[in-house]
Amino acid sequence: MSYADGVTRISESLSPQLHDYLVEHSSPVDQVLLDLAAETERRFPDRAGMQIGAEQGLFMTALTRLSGARDAVEVGTFTGYSSICLARGLPADGRLLACDISEEWTSVAHDYWRRAGVADRIELKLAPALETLRALAGQPQFDLAFIDADKEGYIGYWEELVPRIRPGGALLVDNVLSHGRVIDPAENGSAVQGIRDFNDHALADSRVDLVMLPIGDGLTLARKK
């Protein structure tokens, strides 16, 4: 499956009708996120598929709340949908470190963070994420991490984040199914291979327990031991 198939931002192997049913039987998505998704589609039509879908956003908010996370970090902010979902799950005094390199994309995020009432919980760092992460103290300091950036960089981000996650904390990694291409030997592009390499790397990491979930384009949930 690819974006060209016309099925974007929904869980793999779900028909559009079943996906609609799934969303209709989950908590409603508020107007802020609906407006953000629409503006992202309008302003960045060739990139809109990078945005997470409604069911994944709801899951991430619920997981953040259930885990009691106070300090979170995301690698790959885009226009801000995922950061709103994470920040909404944090307590009022929680913090989210958002890492991205695009001022154009994140200028949209700033507007919607304010509309969502979570701007005071989010710190944006515009720089290569590896630089941002390596500049942090090396000890555990985050309860939750979300990776959704360049696929070739996933292993590097993982290696910087795992030591900085507190025991019992969680890591979420997006696009781990690469729209089904991970199991197609004919698909050998760098992004697909980056995902394959990451999936094998994470599975072999004795520092975590993990499960790969068929949410969106595949979401790995790992718990730091």
Protein backbone atom coordinates (compact mmCIF):
# COMPACT_ATOMS: atom_id res chain seq x y z
CA MET A 1 0.00 0.00 0.00
CA SER A 2 1.25 3.50 -0.75
CA TYR A 3 -0.03 7.04 -0.57
CA ALA A 4 -0.84 6.72 -4.27
CA ASP A 5 -3.51 4.16 -3.39
CA GLY A 6 -5.58 6.95 -1.89
CA VAL A 7 -5.66 5.45 1.63
CA THR A 8 -3.65 7.74 3.87
CA ARG A 9 -3.45 8.36 7.60
CA ILE A 10 -5.55 5.31 8.51
CA SER A 11 -4.57 1.97 9.99
CA GLU A 12 -3.23 -0.54 7.51
CA SER A 13 -5.58 -3.21 6.13
CA LEU A 14 -8.71 -1.31 7.15
CA SER A 15 -11.18 -0.38 4.45
CA PRO A 16 -12.21 3.29 4.45
CA GLN A 17 -15.63 2.20 5.73
CA LEU A 18 -14.20 0.17 8.61
CA HIS A 19 -11.82 2.99 9.44
CA ASP A 20 -14.74 5.42 9.58
CA TYR A 21 -16.55 3.05 11.93
CA LEU A 22 -13.47 2.81 14.16
CA VAL A 23 -13.13 6.59 14.41
CA GLU A 24 -16.87 7.05 14.96
CA HIS A 25 -16.69 4.67 17.92
CA SER A 26 -13.74 6.43 19.54
CA SER A 27 -13.79 9.69 21.44
CA PRO A 28 -14.49 12.54 19.01
CA VAL A 29 -11.64 14.55 17.54
CA ASP A 30 -12.01 18.18 18.51
CA GLN A 31 -12.20 21.11 16.11
CA VAL A 32 -8.60 22.19 16.68
CA LEU A 33 -7.23 18.92 15.35
CA LEU A 34 -9.77 18.81 12.54
CA ASP A 35 -8.76 22.30 11.46
CA LEU A 36 -5.07 21.43 11.73
CA ALA A 37 -5.49 18.34 9.55
CA ALA A 38 -7.39 20.38 6.97
CA GLU A 39 -4.82 23.18 6.92
CA THR A 40 -1.97 20.71 6.61
CA GLU A 41 -3.72 19.09 3.64
CA ARG A 42 -4.27 22.48 2.02
CA ARG A 43 -0.81 23.94 2.59
CA PHE A 44 1.32 20.82 2.18
CA PRO A 45 -0.66 18.43 -0.05
CA ASP A 46 2.43 16.43 -1.01
CA ARG A 47 3.41 15.99 2.65
CA ALA A 48 0.04 15.64 4.38
CA GLY A 49 0.47 11.87 4.61
CA MET A 50 3.21 12.48 7.17
CA GLN A 51 0.58 13.53 9.70
CA ILE A 52 -0.69 10.89 12.11
CA GLY A 53 -4.34 9.89 11.97
CA ALA A 54 -7.17 10.41 14.41
CA GLU A 55 -7.06 6.97 16.01
CA GLN A 56 -3.31 7.16 16.54
CA GLY A 57 -3.58 10.60 18.10
CA LEU A 58 -6.28 9.41 20.50
CA PHE A 59 -4.18 6.37 21.41
CA MET A 60 -1.12 8.51 22.09
CA THR A 61 -3.06 10.90 24.33
CA ALA A 62 -4.58 8.01 26.25
CA LEU A 63 -1.22 6.26 26.64
CA THR A 64 0.44 9.45 27.85
CA ARG A 65 -2.26 9.90 30.48
CA LEU A 66 -2.34 6.26 31.52
CA SER A 67 1.44 6.16 31.93
CA GLY A 68 1.48 9.25 34.13
CA ALA A 69 4.17 10.79 31.93
CA ARG A 70 5.35 14.28 32.89
CA ASP A 71 8.37 14.72 30.62
CA ALA A 72 8.19 13.74 26.96
CA VAL A 73 10.16 14.22 23.76
CA GLU A 74 9.24 13.83 20.10
CA VAL A 75 11.53 13.60 17.11
CA GLY A 76 9.64 14.94 14.10
CA THR A 77 6.97 17.55 14.80
CA PHE A 78 5.76 18.48 11.29
CA THR A 79 2.68 20.73 11.70
CA GLY A 80 2.03 19.79 15.31
CA TYR A 81 -0.73 17.16 15.39
CA SER A 82 1.26 14.57 17.34
CA SER A 83 2.68 17.15 19.74
CA ILE A 84 -0.82 18.36 20.62
CA CYS A 85 -1.89 14.77 21.28
CA LEU A 86 1.11 14.14 23.52
CA ALA A 87 0.92 17.48 25.34
CA ARG A 88 -2.76 16.98 26.09
CA GLY A 89 -1.87 13.78 27.92
CA LEU A 90 0.66 15.53 30.15
CA PRO A 91 -0.25 17.25 33.41
CA ALA A 92 -0.47 21.04 33.44
CA ASP A 93 3.13 21.32 34.59
CA GLY A 94 4.42 18.67 32.17
CA ARG A 95 6.81 19.41 29.33
CA LEU A 96 7.31 18.19 25.78
CA LEU A 97 10.55 18.74 23.92
CA ALA A 98 9.68 18.89 20.21
CA CYS A 99 12.50 18.38 17.70
CA ASP A 100 12.25 19.38 14.05
CA ILE A 101 14.27 21.14 11.34
CA SER A 102 11.52 22.95 9.42
CA GLU A 103 10.53 26.46 10.42
CA GLU A 104 7.86 26.42 7.70
CA TRP A 105 6.08 23.33 9.02
CA THR A 106 6.40 24.22 12.69
CA SER A 107 5.09 27.74 12.13
CA VAL A 108 1.73 26.04 11.63
CA ALA A 109 2.30 24.01 14.80
CA HIS A 110 2.82 27.15 16.90
CA ASP A 111 -0.59 28.51 15.92
CA TYR A 112 -2.38 25.29 16.79
CA TRP A 113 -0.48 24.74 20.03
CA ARG A 114 -1.90 28.08 21.15
CA ARG A 115 -5.40 27.17 19.99
CA ALA A 116 -5.17 23.83 21.81
CA GLY A 117 -4.01 25.53 25.01
CA VAL A 118 -0.79 23.51 25.26
CA ALA A 119 1.81 25.99 24.01
CA ASP A 120 3.19 26.46 27.52
CA ARG A 121 4.00 22.74 27.76
CA ILE A 122 5.98 22.53 24.51
CA GLU A 123 9.56 23.59 23.83
CA LEU A 124 10.53 23.50 20.15
CA LYS A 125 14.13 22.96 19.10
CA LEU A 126 14.79 23.75 15.43
CA ALA A 127 17.96 21.80 14.72
CA PRO A 128 18.95 18.31 13.61
CA ALA A 129 17.43 16.08 16.27
CA LEU A 130 20.64 14.15 16.91
CA GLU A 131 22.34 17.42 17.84
CA THR A 132 19.50 18.35 20.16
CA LEU A 133 19.45 14.95 21.86
CA ARG A 134 23.22 14.69 22.22
CA ALA A 135 23.30 18.11 23.89
CA LEU A 136 21.05 16.81 26.67
CA ALA A 137 22.38 15.27 29.85
CA GLY A 138 22.87 11.55 29.41
CA GLN A 139 20.88 10.34 32.41
CA PRO A 140 17.22 9.23 32.31
CA GLN A 141 15.00 12.31 32.16
CA PHE A 142 12.00 11.47 29.97
CA ASP A 143 8.96 9.31 30.64
CA LEU A 144 7.86 9.07 27.02
CA ALA A 145 9.40 9.47 23.57
CA PHE A 146 7.88 9.51 20.08
CA ILE A 147 9.95 9.03 16.92
CA ASP A 148 8.44 10.04 13.58
CA ALA A 149 11.15 11.53 11.37
CA ASP A 150 13.56 10.45 8.62
CA LYS A 151 13.51 6.67 8.57
CA GLU A 152 17.22 6.29 7.91
CA GLY A 153 17.86 8.09 11.20
CA TYR A 154 15.66 5.93 13.43
CA ILE A 155 18.46 3.81 14.91
CA GLY A 156 20.44 6.92 15.79
CA TYR A 157 17.46 8.55 17.50
CA TRP A 158 16.67 5.33 19.34
CA GLU A 159 20.22 5.02 20.65
CA GLU A 160 20.15 8.59 21.98
CA LEU A 161 16.70 8.22 23.53
CA VAL A 162 16.72 4.83 25.22
CA PRO A 163 19.36 5.85 27.82
CA ARG A 164 17.40 9.04 28.51
CA ILE A 165 14.11 7.24 29.22
CA ARG A 166 13.36 6.49 32.85
CA PRO A 167 12.84 2.84 33.82
CA GLY A 168 9.21 1.99 33.12
CA GLY A 169 8.98 4.75 30.54
CA ALA A 170 7.83 4.25 26.97
CA LEU A 171 9.02 4.83 23.42
CA LEU A 172 6.64 5.07 20.47
CA VAL A 173 8.03 4.68 16.96
CA ASP A 174 5.90 5.45 13.90
CA ASN A 175 5.76 3.97 10.36
CA VAL A 176 7.29 0.64 11.31
CA LEU A 177 5.29 -1.18 8.61
CA SER A 178 6.24 1.27 5.85
CA HIS A 179 2.81 0.71 4.26
CA GLY A 180 3.50 -3.00 3.94
CA ARG A 181 6.77 -2.52 2.09
CA VAL A 182 8.86 -4.01 4.92
CA ILE A 183 7.90 -7.53 3.77
CA ASP A 184 8.26 -6.90 0.04
CA PRO A 185 11.76 -7.92 -1.14
CA ALA A 186 11.31 -5.81 -4.24
CA GLU A 187 11.19 -2.68 -2.08
CA ASN A 188 14.78 -1.66 -1.39
CA GLY A 189 14.65 2.12 -1.07
CA SER A 190 16.65 3.74 1.70
CA ALA A 191 13.60 4.66 3.79
CA VAL A 192 12.17 1.13 3.67
CA GLN A 193 15.53 -0.40 4.46
CA GLY A 194 15.97 2.08 7.28
CA ILE A 195 12.72 0.85 8.81
CA ARG A 196 13.71 -2.81 8.38
CA ASP A 197 17.06 -2.16 10.02
CA PHE A 198 15.42 -0.27 12.87
CA ASN A 199 12.80 -2.97 13.49
CA ASP A 200 15.51 -5.62 13.76
CA HIS A 201 17.63 -3.36 15.95
CA ALA A 202 14.81 -2.58 18.38
CA LEU A 203 13.72 -6.21 18.61
CA ALA A 204 17.25 -7.22 19.60
CA ASP A 205 17.56 -4.48 22.25
CA SER A 206 17.59 -6.13 25.68
CA ARG A 207 16.92 -2.79 27.39
CA VAL A 208 13.24 -2.83 26.35
CA ASP A 209 10.17 -4.96 25.94
CA LEU A 210 8.18 -4.08 22.84
CA VAL A 211 5.13 -4.78 20.74
CA MET A 212 4.44 -3.71 17.17
CA LEU A 213 0.86 -2.50 16.76
CA PRO A 214 -1.14 -2.19 13.51
CA ILE A 215 -2.14 1.39 14.28
CA GLY A 216 -1.70 3.88 11.46
CA ASP A 217 1.32 2.79 9.43
CA GLY A 218 2.52 0.55 12.24
CA LEU A 219 3.44 1.79 15.71
CA THR A 220 6.03 0.13 17.92
CA LEU A 221 5.46 0.55 21.65
CA ALA A 222 8.50 -0.21 23.79
CA ARG A 223 8.82 -0.16 27.57
CA LYS A 224 12.18 0.61 29.13
CA LYS A 225 13.14 -2.09 31.62
